[in-house]
Protein backbone atom coordinates (compact mmCIF):
# COMPACT_ATOMS: atom_id res chain seq x y z
CA MET A 1 55.28 98.86 7.01
CA ASP A 2 52.43 100.73 5.30
CA ALA A 3 49.17 99.37 6.73
CA THR A 4 47.19 100.95 3.90
CA GLY A 5 49.42 99.87 1.05
CA TRP A 6 47.11 97.09 -0.05
CA SER A 7 45.08 99.55 -2.14
CA ARG A 8 48.05 101.10 -3.98
CA GLY A 9 47.62 100.70 -7.71
CA LEU A 10 44.02 99.51 -7.34
CA ALA A 11 41.55 100.75 -9.94
CA VAL A 12 37.86 99.98 -10.39
CA GLU A 13 36.08 99.59 -13.70
CA VAL A 14 32.82 98.08 -14.92
CA GLY A 15 32.95 95.54 -17.72
CA GLY A 16 32.77 91.87 -18.56
CA ARG A 17 29.32 90.34 -18.95
CA ASP A 18 30.68 86.91 -18.19
CA VAL A 19 31.44 87.69 -14.52
CA VAL A 20 28.66 86.43 -12.22
CA SER A 21 28.01 86.48 -8.49
CA HIS A 22 26.05 84.18 -6.17
CA VAL A 23 27.13 81.18 -8.24
CA GLY A 24 26.65 78.79 -5.30
CA THR A 25 22.97 79.71 -5.27
CA ALA A 26 22.76 78.02 -8.66
CA ALA A 27 23.46 74.76 -6.81
CA VAL A 28 20.35 75.35 -4.66
CA ARG A 29 18.28 76.15 -7.74
CA LEU A 30 19.64 73.11 -9.54
CA LEU A 31 18.83 70.97 -6.50
CA ALA A 32 15.22 72.16 -6.53
CA ASP A 33 14.97 71.15 -10.18
CA ARG A 34 16.68 67.79 -9.80
CA VAL A 35 14.57 66.61 -6.86
CA GLY A 36 11.37 67.53 -8.66
CA VAL A 37 10.21 70.49 -6.55
CA THR A 38 10.07 72.88 -9.48
CA GLY A 39 8.09 70.49 -11.67
CA ALA A 40 5.67 69.61 -8.86
CA LEU A 41 5.04 73.29 -8.16
CA SER A 42 4.48 73.96 -11.86
CA LYS A 43 1.63 71.45 -11.82
CA ALA A 44 0.30 72.66 -8.47
CA LEU A 45 0.16 76.32 -9.52
CA ALA A 46 -1.05 75.86 -13.08
CA GLY A 47 -4.12 77.94 -13.86
CA THR A 48 -6.05 79.84 -16.46
CA ARG A 49 -4.01 83.02 -16.24
CA GLN A 50 -0.75 82.60 -18.14
CA PHE A 51 2.49 84.49 -17.83
CA PRO A 52 3.99 84.67 -21.33
CA LEU A 53 7.55 84.02 -20.19
CA HIS A 54 7.41 82.55 -16.72
CA ASP A 55 5.98 79.34 -15.29
CA ARG A 56 4.36 79.85 -11.86
CA GLY A 57 6.21 76.90 -10.34
CA ARG A 58 9.52 78.28 -11.61
CA VAL A 59 8.72 81.68 -10.11
CA PHE A 60 7.69 80.26 -6.72
CA THR A 61 10.81 78.09 -6.62
CA ASP A 62 12.98 81.09 -7.48
CA ILE A 63 11.41 83.06 -4.64
CA ALA A 64 12.36 80.20 -2.28
CA VAL A 65 15.85 79.96 -3.79
CA GLY A 66 16.26 83.71 -3.26
CA ILE A 67 15.19 83.30 0.37
CA ALA A 68 17.74 80.52 0.79
CA ASP A 69 20.29 82.94 -0.66
CA GLY A 70 19.36 85.52 1.99
CA SER A 71 16.43 87.46 0.51
CA THR A 72 14.24 89.29 3.00
CA ARG A 73 11.92 90.99 0.49
CA ILE A 74 10.02 89.84 -2.59
CA LYS A 75 11.94 92.37 -4.68
CA ASP A 76 15.17 90.52 -3.83
CA ILE A 77 14.32 88.02 -6.59
CA ALA A 78 16.16 90.59 -8.72
CA THR A 79 19.39 89.18 -7.26
CA LEU A 80 18.87 86.13 -9.48
CA ALA A 81 17.60 88.17 -12.42
CA ASP A 82 20.72 90.36 -12.30
CA GLN A 83 22.85 87.24 -12.87
CA GLY A 84 21.21 86.43 -16.18
CA GLU A 85 24.37 84.92 -17.63
CA LEU A 86 24.00 82.13 -15.07
CA PHE A 87 20.30 81.91 -14.18
CA GLY A 88 18.79 82.81 -17.53
CA ALA A 89 15.39 84.50 -17.66
CA VAL A 90 14.08 85.16 -14.13
CA ALA A 91 10.69 86.66 -13.35
CA SER A 92 10.40 90.35 -12.67
CA VAL A 93 9.50 91.67 -9.25
CA PRO A 94 5.88 92.46 -10.29
CA THR A 95 5.50 88.90 -11.62
CA ALA A 96 6.81 87.49 -8.34
CA TRP A 97 4.24 89.57 -6.48
CA ARG A 98 1.45 88.35 -8.74
CA VAL A 99 2.41 84.71 -8.19
CA LEU A 100 2.36 85.10 -4.41
CA LYS A 101 -0.97 86.92 -4.58
CA GLU A 102 -2.44 83.99 -6.56
CA VAL A 103 -1.43 81.48 -3.86
CA ASP A 104 -4.73 81.44 -2.02
CA ALA A 105 -5.78 78.79 0.52
CA GLU A 106 -6.52 76.22 -2.18
CA ARG A 107 -3.22 76.72 -3.97
CA LEU A 108 -1.38 76.82 -0.65
CA THR A 109 -2.67 73.30 -0.10
CA ALA A 110 -1.39 72.36 -3.56
CA VAL A 111 2.04 73.83 -2.73
CA THR A 112 2.11 71.76 0.46
CA ALA A 113 1.27 68.61 -1.52
CA ALA A 114 4.01 69.39 -4.05
CA ARG A 115 6.58 69.71 -1.27
CA ALA A 116 5.46 66.39 0.21
CA ALA A 117 5.72 64.67 -3.18
CA ALA A 118 9.24 65.97 -3.72
CA ARG A 119 10.28 64.97 -0.19
CA VAL A 120 9.67 61.30 -1.01
CA GLY A 121 12.42 61.31 -3.62
CA VAL A 122 14.72 63.48 -1.51
CA TRP A 123 14.54 61.09 1.45
CA GLU A 124 15.25 58.19 -0.89
CA GLN A 125 18.41 59.98 -2.03
CA ILE A 126 19.38 60.76 1.58
CA VAL A 127 19.13 57.06 2.38
CA ALA A 128 21.12 56.23 -0.76
CA ARG A 129 23.95 58.52 0.37
CA HIS A 130 23.94 57.98 4.16
CA GLY A 131 22.37 54.54 4.49
CA ARG A 132 19.36 55.90 6.43
CA ILE A 133 17.63 59.08 7.46
CA PRO A 134 19.85 60.77 10.08
CA PRO A 135 18.73 59.55 13.51
CA CYS A 136 17.88 61.88 16.35
CA THR A 137 20.53 61.57 19.06
CA VAL A 138 19.66 62.20 22.69
CA ALA A 139 22.05 61.88 25.64
CA GLY A 140 24.56 60.06 23.47
CA ARG A 141 21.96 57.54 22.32
CA ASP A 142 20.71 56.97 18.79
CA LEU A 143 16.89 56.89 18.67
CA GLY A 144 17.04 54.69 15.58
CA ASP A 145 14.25 54.98 13.01
CA MET A 146 12.13 57.34 15.12
CA ILE A 147 11.22 60.59 13.36
CA VAL A 148 11.13 63.50 15.81
CA ILE A 149 8.82 66.46 15.17
CA ARG A 150 9.34 69.53 17.34
CA LEU A 151 6.52 72.07 17.59
CA ASP A 152 7.02 75.67 18.62
CA ALA A 153 5.79 79.19 17.91
CA SER A 154 7.86 82.34 17.58
CA LEU A 155 7.16 86.05 17.30
CA VAL A 156 7.82 87.92 14.06
CA LEU A 157 7.77 91.67 14.63
CA ALA A 158 5.99 94.07 12.30
CA HIS A 159 7.28 97.62 12.03
CA SER A 160 4.38 98.80 9.88
CA ASP A 161 0.65 98.13 9.67
CA LYS A 162 0.16 94.58 8.37
CA GLU A 163 -3.03 92.57 8.15
CA LYS A 164 -3.66 90.50 11.30
CA ALA A 165 -0.56 91.85 13.02
CA ALA A 166 -1.44 92.32 16.69
CA ARG A 167 -0.03 93.03 20.10
CA THR A 168 1.93 90.03 21.37
CA PHE A 169 2.31 88.56 24.84
CA LYS A 170 5.69 90.30 25.02
CA LYS A 171 3.95 93.64 24.38
CA THR A 172 5.45 93.90 20.91
CA PHE A 173 3.51 94.01 17.62
CA GLY A 174 3.49 91.47 14.83
CA HIS A 175 2.65 87.85 14.01
CA HIS A 176 3.05 84.58 15.92
CA PRO A 177 3.59 81.73 13.42
CA MET A 178 3.40 78.10 14.56
CA MET A 179 6.02 75.72 13.15
CA ALA A 180 6.90 72.04 13.06
CA TRP A 181 10.54 71.11 12.45
CA CYS A 182 12.01 67.70 11.69
CA ASP A 183 14.83 67.09 14.15
CA ASN A 184 16.28 64.34 11.94
CA THR A 185 16.81 66.38 8.78
CA GLY A 186 16.52 69.99 9.97
CA GLY A 187 13.69 70.76 7.54
CA LEU A 188 10.69 72.98 8.24
CA LEU A 189 7.83 70.54 7.72
CA ALA A 190 4.93 72.91 8.32
CA ILE A 191 4.24 76.52 9.23
CA LYS A 192 1.07 78.45 9.91
CA LEU A 193 1.07 82.24 10.00
CA ARG A 194 -1.08 83.57 12.85
CA PRO A 195 -1.97 86.93 14.42
CA GLY A 196 0.44 88.23 17.03
CA ASN A 197 -2.03 87.64 19.86
CA ALA A 198 -2.48 83.93 19.03
CA GLY A 199 -1.58 81.70 21.96
CA ALA A 200 1.38 79.34 21.97
CA ASN A 201 -0.87 76.59 23.36
CA THR A 202 -3.81 77.10 21.01
CA ALA A 203 -4.65 73.43 20.57
CA ALA A 204 -6.37 73.78 17.20
CA ASP A 205 -3.28 75.44 15.69
CA ASN A 206 -0.90 72.90 17.19
CA ILE A 207 -3.02 70.04 15.91
CA GLU A 208 -3.32 71.54 12.42
CA VAL A 209 0.42 72.09 12.14
CA LEU A 210 1.22 68.65 13.56
CA ASP A 211 -1.10 66.93 11.08
CA ALA A 212 0.43 68.95 8.24
CA ALA A 213 3.92 67.96 9.42
CA ILE A 214 3.04 64.26 9.53
CA GLY A 215 1.54 64.65 6.06
CA GLN A 216 4.92 65.89 4.84
CA LEU A 217 6.65 62.69 5.93
CA PRO A 218 6.99 59.96 3.30
CA ALA A 219 4.52 57.18 4.12
CA GLY A 220 7.20 54.73 5.25
CA TYR A 221 8.41 57.18 7.92
CA ARG A 222 5.08 57.77 9.65
CA LYS A 223 5.21 54.53 11.63
CA LYS A 224 7.26 55.72 14.61
CA ILE A 225 7.11 59.39 15.54
CA LEU A 226 7.97 61.43 18.62
CA VAL A 227 6.29 64.83 19.04
CA THR A 228 7.78 67.32 21.48
CA VAL A 229 6.34 70.60 22.71
CA ASP A 230 7.47 72.86 25.52
CA GLY A 231 5.29 73.73 28.47
CA ALA A 232 4.01 76.93 26.85
CA GLY A 233 2.65 75.01 23.85
CA ALA A 234 1.36 71.87 25.55
CA SER A 235 -2.37 71.31 25.98
CA HIS A 236 -4.77 68.53 26.96
CA ASP A 237 -6.38 68.55 23.51
CA LEU A 238 -3.03 68.16 21.74
CA VAL A 239 -2.07 65.16 23.90
CA ASP A 240 -5.50 63.62 23.30
CA HIS A 241 -5.10 64.14 19.56
CA ILE A 242 -1.71 62.42 19.55
CA ALA A 243 -3.27 59.51 21.44
CA GLU A 244 -5.98 59.30 18.78
CA LEU A 245 -3.35 59.09 16.05
CA ASN A 246 -2.34 55.76 17.54
CA GLU A 247 -5.68 54.25 16.60
CA ASP A 248 -3.98 53.48 13.30
CA PRO A 249 -2.38 50.05 14.03
CA ASP A 250 0.46 50.77 11.60
CA ARG A 251 1.53 53.93 13.40
CA GLN A 252 2.93 54.75 16.84
CA VAL A 253 3.11 58.39 17.80
CA TYR A 254 4.75 59.22 21.14
CA TYR A 255 4.76 62.58 22.87
CA ALA A 256 6.95 64.43 25.35
CA VAL A 257 5.44 67.72 26.45
CA GLY A 258 5.85 70.19 29.26
CA PHE A 259 3.43 69.66 32.17
CA ASP A 260 2.10 72.12 34.76
CA LEU A 261 3.76 72.13 38.16
CA ASP A 262 0.51 72.53 40.10
CA GLU A 263 -0.46 71.47 43.63
CA ARG A 264 -0.66 67.78 42.79
CA GLY A 265 2.83 67.99 41.27
CA ARG A 266 4.24 69.76 44.32
CA GLN A 267 2.72 67.16 46.62
CA ALA A 268 4.11 64.31 44.51
CA ILE A 269 7.59 65.82 44.49
CA GLY A 270 7.48 66.15 48.26
CA LYS A 271 6.81 62.39 48.60
CA VAL A 272 9.75 61.23 46.48
CA PRO A 273 12.50 59.72 48.71
CA GLY A 274 15.96 61.14 48.16
CA ARG A 275 17.34 57.78 47.08
CA VAL A 276 14.89 57.63 44.15
CA TRP A 277 16.27 60.70 42.41
CA ALA A 278 18.79 59.86 39.66
CA PRO A 279 21.30 62.23 38.06
CA ALA A 280 20.10 63.93 34.88
CA VAL A 281 22.37 63.29 31.90
CA ASP A 282 24.08 65.65 29.48
CA ALA A 283 24.31 65.56 25.68
CA GLU A 284 26.85 62.74 25.83
CA GLY A 285 24.82 60.65 28.28
CA GLU A 286 27.09 61.47 31.21
CA PRO A 287 25.68 62.50 34.64
CA ARG A 288 25.23 66.25 35.01
CA ASP A 289 26.59 68.10 38.01
CA ASN A 290 23.39 70.06 38.37
CA GLY A 291 20.07 68.23 38.16
CA GLU A 292 18.29 65.01 39.06
CA VAL A 293 15.21 63.24 37.72
CA ALA A 294 12.49 60.99 39.14
CA GLU A 295 9.25 59.48 37.91
CA LEU A 296 6.06 60.68 39.61
CA THR A 297 3.50 58.62 37.67
CA GLY A 298 2.69 56.23 40.52
CA LEU A 299 2.19 59.11 42.93
CA TYR A 300 -0.28 60.72 40.51
CA ARG A 301 -2.16 57.48 39.91
CA THR A 302 -2.58 56.37 43.55
CA GLY A 303 -3.25 57.86 46.95
CA ARG A 304 -6.16 59.52 48.69
CA ALA A 305 -7.01 61.58 45.61
CA ARG A 306 -7.02 58.36 43.57
CA ASP A 307 -6.06 58.61 39.90
CA GLN A 308 -5.31 62.27 39.19
CA LEU A 309 -4.48 61.47 35.55
CA LYS A 310 -7.73 59.61 34.79
CA ASP A 311 -8.79 62.21 32.21
CA TRP A 312 -5.48 61.84 30.36
CA PRO A 313 -4.32 58.97 28.11
CA LYS A 314 -3.62 55.80 30.09
CA ASP A 315 -0.02 55.62 28.87
CA MET A 316 0.90 59.06 30.23
CA ARG A 317 3.93 59.21 32.51
CA ILE A 318 5.09 62.19 34.55
CA ILE A 319 8.83 62.81 34.95
CA ALA A 320 10.23 65.49 37.28
CA ARG A 321 13.61 67.20 37.09
CA TRP A 322 15.18 69.62 39.50
CA GLU A 323 18.22 71.81 39.10
CA ARG A 324 19.79 74.60 41.10
CA SER A 325 18.29 77.85 39.93
CA HIS A 326 20.40 80.36 38.06
CA PRO A 327 20.78 83.93 39.37
CA GLY A 328 17.79 86.02 38.30
CA ALA A 329 15.58 83.00 37.50
CA GLN A 330 11.86 83.53 38.11
CA LEU A 331 10.80 80.95 40.68
CA SER A 332 7.46 80.04 42.20
CA LEU A 333 6.99 80.27 45.97
CA PHE A 334 7.34 76.49 46.14
CA GLU A 335 10.64 76.60 44.25
CA GLN A 336 11.90 79.48 46.37
CA HIS A 337 11.12 77.44 49.49
CA GLU A 338 12.82 74.31 48.17
CA GLY A 339 15.76 76.21 46.68
CA PHE A 340 15.54 74.41 43.33
CA ARG A 341 13.88 74.90 39.99
CA PHE A 342 11.49 72.06 39.04
CA GLN A 343 10.19 71.04 35.63
CA LEU A 344 7.69 68.33 34.75
CA THR A 345 7.44 66.34 31.54
CA ALA A 346 4.40 64.34 30.42
CA THR A 347 5.30 61.57 28.02
CA SER A 348 4.14 58.31 26.51
CA LEU A 349 7.64 57.03 25.81
CA PRO A 350 7.82 53.52 27.29
CA ASP A 351 11.58 53.35 27.91
CA ARG A 352 12.42 52.44 31.50
CA ASN A 353 15.45 54.72 31.46
CA ILE A 354 13.82 57.86 32.86
CA GLN A 355 17.06 59.81 32.39
CA LEU A 356 16.84 59.22 28.65
CA VAL A 357 13.09 59.88 28.59
CA GLU A 358 13.55 63.21 30.36
CA ALA A 359 16.41 64.15 28.04
CA CYS A 360 14.20 63.46 24.99
CA HIS A 361 12.06 66.40 26.04
CA ARG A 362 14.83 68.61 27.38
CA VAL A 363 16.43 68.76 23.93
CA GLN A 364 13.25 70.45 22.72
CA ALA A 365 15.54 73.47 23.12
CA ARG A 366 17.06 72.48 19.77
CA VAL A 367 14.02 73.97 18.10
CA GLU A 368 15.25 77.40 19.15
CA SER A 369 18.28 76.87 16.92
CA ARG A 370 16.01 75.81 14.06
CA ILE A 371 13.87 78.91 14.52
CA ARG A 372 16.98 81.09 14.56
CA CYS A 373 17.99 79.57 11.22
CA GLY A 374 14.43 80.12 9.96
CA LYS A 375 14.57 83.78 10.90
CA ALA A 376 17.89 84.01 9.07
CA THR A 377 16.07 82.50 6.08
CA GLY A 378 13.22 84.87 5.37
CA LEU A 379 11.19 84.55 8.56
CA ARG A 380 12.48 87.61 10.37
CA ARG A 381 9.93 89.88 8.72
CA MET A 382 6.79 89.61 6.62
CA PRO A 383 7.21 91.43 3.29
CA SER A 384 3.59 92.43 2.56
CA LYS A 385 0.64 94.16 4.16
CA SER A 386 -1.54 91.29 2.94
CA PHE A 387 -1.95 88.30 5.27
CA ALA A 388 -2.53 85.98 2.28
CA VAL A 389 0.69 87.08 0.57
CA ASN A 390 2.60 86.69 3.82
CA SER A 391 1.17 83.18 4.22
CA ALA A 392 2.44 82.34 0.74
CA TRP A 393 5.80 83.87 1.70
CA CYS A 394 5.91 81.55 4.74
CA ALA A 395 5.36 78.59 2.41
CA ALA A 396 8.32 79.79 0.35
CA VAL A 397 10.35 80.13 3.56
CA ALA A 398 9.53 76.52 4.45
CA LEU A 399 10.73 75.41 1.00
CA ALA A 400 13.89 77.51 1.37
CA CYS A 401 14.66 75.91 4.74
CA ASP A 402 14.10 72.49 3.18
CA LEU A 403 16.40 73.28 0.25
CA LEU A 404 19.22 74.30 2.59
CA ALA A 405 18.70 71.16 4.69
CA TRP A 406 18.65 68.97 1.56
CA LEU A 407 21.77 70.70 0.23
CA ALA A 408 23.60 69.78 3.43
CA LEU A 409 22.39 66.17 3.40
CA LEU A 410 22.85 65.47 -0.30
CA ALA A 411 25.82 67.57 -1.34
CA LEU A 412 27.95 68.76 1.59
CA ASP A 413 30.39 67.21 4.04
CA GLY A 414 31.95 67.92 7.43
CA GLU A 415 31.52 71.36 8.96
CA LEU A 416 29.62 72.72 5.98
CA ALA A 417 26.99 70.01 6.35
CA LYS A 418 26.33 71.30 9.89
CA ALA A 419 26.80 75.02 9.23
CA GLU A 420 24.07 77.60 9.75
CA PRO A 421 22.65 79.52 6.77
CA LYS A 422 24.87 82.59 7.23
CA THR A 423 28.01 80.46 6.99
CA VAL A 424 26.75 78.49 3.98
CA ARG A 425 25.97 81.72 2.17
CA TYR A 426 29.35 83.28 2.85
CA ARG A 427 31.40 80.21 1.99
CA LEU A 428 29.36 78.75 -0.88
CA LEU A 429 26.27 80.54 -2.14
CA HIS A 430 27.73 84.02 -2.58
CA THR A 431 30.89 82.90 -4.35
CA ALA A 432 31.71 84.73 -7.59
CA GLY A 433 32.68 83.03 -10.82
CA ARG A 434 33.00 83.41 -14.56
CA ILE A 435 30.90 82.02 -17.39
CA ILE A 436 33.02 80.54 -20.20
CA ARG A 437 31.27 79.83 -23.50
CA GLY A 438 32.45 77.41 -26.14
CA GLN A 439 31.49 74.28 -28.05
CA ARG A 440 27.82 75.12 -27.53
CA GLN A 441 28.25 74.91 -23.77
CA ARG A 442 28.49 77.19 -20.79
CA ARG A 443 31.14 76.46 -18.20
CA LEU A 444 31.02 77.96 -14.75
CA ARG A 445 34.62 78.68 -13.76
CA LEU A 446 35.12 78.94 -10.00
CA PRO A 447 38.03 80.85 -8.40
CA GLU A 448 40.74 78.34 -7.55
CA ASN A 449 42.02 80.38 -4.61
CA TRP A 450 38.65 80.41 -2.80
CA PRO A 451 39.10 78.28 0.37
CA TRP A 452 35.84 76.35 -0.16
CA VAL A 453 35.97 75.96 -3.93
CA ASP A 454 36.45 72.19 -3.77
CA ALA A 455 33.38 71.84 -1.55
CA LEU A 456 31.33 73.97 -3.95
CA ARG A 457 32.49 72.04 -7.02
CA THR A 458 31.75 68.75 -5.27
CA ALA A 459 28.27 69.99 -4.35
CA PHE A 460 27.54 70.80 -8.00
CA MET A 461 28.80 67.40 -9.13
CA ARG A 462 26.68 65.55 -6.56
CA ILE A 463 23.57 67.48 -7.55
CA PHE A 464 24.19 66.88 -11.26
CA ALA A 465 24.47 63.17 -10.41
CA LEU A 466 21.02 62.99 -8.85
CA PRO A 467 18.49 61.12 -10.98
CA ALA A 468 16.29 63.35 -13.10
CA PRO A 469 12.70 63.71 -11.83
CA THR A 470 10.15 61.48 -13.49
């Protein structure tokens, strides 16, 4: 058998203007139009300077669509322009640059408002298709109508001199954006680009991003919120701010944040009787082989030292978890002595099931998966030397992440609805097709032998069926 025989008789030629690539990306672009993002951005970015052929909102949306398609540079908007038979007139690379340069702080606020306005209709359509906004599931339990916002920061390396790039805590060089992700829908609600030396627990940044994230939620979904932050990002000011949000009687914002294992924590752990510890639970709600949890709140609130949480909100609870340390784990002297790794969680969740409460914070690790998807969707590098342009790029990244999340929730099923961006691009967005013209129409003909062609066709049909924006 000739292992190389597949290429026998194969010839290559260039021809046929009706052949187009990246046809699945047209579904993402169509989705942006149908849910009203493009129109809202057109109004938000309108100004005195006019581009003869290109609307600013259209250009900004196309930059985001290109990022969803896999773009890592502003010049990659040419990927859409090169498929003119499908996408029509697309802005040039210089025009895309000019649009991003015009998105100053004021217009960035307008872009944020446009995204929030479009999200209202999108969430209505999600409810129409699924019956409700997807619930956050923890330890096999549905958290119901609670919207979960997960805050975290991540390093973005810079390999050239960029404005406000700085040495990071990992001794690399770049930026340190702060993000807020919606655990229910997978969308990137808010992002703030920051210098590389910005701290993960800079309270002002956390508070700004959290407020922006809540502002992205449709009004009816701001009534019951859980905010989670890991120990590196937690701060007293952030917890106090969340407590202040509850002064609105129509809103309840809970928190679950990492808490320092200091001397008072070590003393409290040492006083917990063995019988009080309960097994930690896994993703299905079953007891884990490694790990137990116990509540320490009473030990913090009473004793010779009196109330050691008096400066914190009155509803704060402290939950401890231990697990056997993994080889190579960095342990404190206390943990080395005890032989276990300890972690503390501060929370205002009122549930009596401390195993569930502890798990609500432990799954903060999900945000790492979201960030990985974000870095696969334009966040791995900043394209410009200008900090303002890179901030506008981050806004486009947030829109791109939203568009992919909305595509999954409104148009996809099964594995594809849960797939990461790389898989969605390979199976759907980068599919090739042919434009057929006739009877004053264009028909996009998809290859019938492509394994995911039915899913792609169904996605188009579902997006076409969405109500037109008002």
